[in-house]
């Protein structure tokens, strides 16, 4: 009977683990969204910086 009790104890903990995994999965999805937005912002800043460098180098040639 102790083996059955041990199995039931372990199985009862699975619900909490599943809930935690679901919470973490949701958090990960939100973090992914933030990272994608930050990557877009960085790409935009890189383009602006390249344009400014090009304008500056053209102004220096004149």
Protein backbone atom coordinates (compact mmCIF):
# COMPACT_ATOMS: atom_id res chain seq x y z
CA UNK A 1 0.00 0.00 0.00
CA UNK A 2 2.91 2.36 0.58
CA UNK A 3 3.93 2.09 -3.07
CA UNK A 4 0.43 3.16 -4.13
CA UNK A 5 0.50 6.05 -1.68
CA UNK A 6 3.90 7.16 -3.02
CA UNK A 7 2.64 7.03 -6.62
CA UNK A 8 -0.43 9.08 -5.70
CA UNK A 9 1.73 11.64 -3.88
CA UNK A 10 3.93 12.05 -6.93
CA UNK A 11 0.96 12.33 -9.29
CA UNK A 12 -0.71 14.96 -7.13
CA UNK A 13 2.36 17.17 -7.60
CA UNK A 14 2.05 17.01 -11.38
CA UNK A 15 -0.86 19.46 -11.40
CA UNK A 16 1.27 22.14 -9.75
CA UNK A 17 4.11 21.48 -12.16
CA UNK A 18 1.78 21.72 -15.16
CA UNK A 19 0.39 25.01 -13.86
CA UNK A 20 3.89 26.42 -13.39
CA UNK A 21 4.91 25.31 -16.89
CA UNK A 22 1.85 27.03 -18.34
CA UNK A 23 2.66 30.23 -16.44
CA UNK A 24 6.25 30.16 -17.66
CA UNK A 25 5.09 29.50 -21.20
CA UNK A 26 2.91 32.61 -21.08
CA UNK A 27 5.77 34.67 -19.67
CA UNK A 28 8.05 33.41 -22.41
CA UNK A 29 5.56 34.44 -25.08
CA UNK A 30 5.43 37.96 -23.63
CA UNK A 31 9.23 38.15 -23.47
CA UNK A 32 9.44 37.08 -27.11
CA UNK A 33 7.12 39.92 -28.10
CA UNK A 34 9.26 42.44 -26.22
CA UNK A 35 12.47 41.11 -27.77
CA UNK A 36 11.02 41.29 -31.29
CA UNK A 37 9.96 44.90 -30.71
CA UNK A 38 13.40 45.77 -29.38
CA UNK A 39 15.03 44.15 -32.40
CA UNK A 40 12.85 46.28 -34.68
CA UNK A 41 13.85 49.40 -32.73
CA UNK A 42 17.54 48.51 -32.97
CA UNK A 43 17.26 47.90 -36.70
CA UNK A 44 15.60 51.30 -37.13
CA UNK A 45 18.33 52.98 -35.11
CA UNK A 46 21.01 51.26 -37.16
CA UNK A 47 19.45 52.57 -40.35
CA UNK A 48 19.26 56.08 -38.94
CA UNK A 49 22.88 55.92 -37.78
CA UNK A 50 24.04 54.75 -41.20
CA UNK A 51 22.15 57.60 -42.85
CA UNK A 52 23.66 60.15 -40.45
CA UNK A 53 27.16 58.80 -41.04
CA UNK A 54 26.64 58.99 -44.80
CA UNK A 55 25.35 62.57 -44.55
CA UNK A 56 28.26 63.53 -42.34
CA UNK A 57 30.82 61.97 -44.67
CA UNK A 58 29.27 63.75 -47.66
CA UNK A 59 29.30 67.08 -45.80
CA UNK A 60 32.98 66.56 -44.96
CA UNK A 61 33.87 66.07 -48.61
CA UNK A 62 32.45 69.45 -49.65
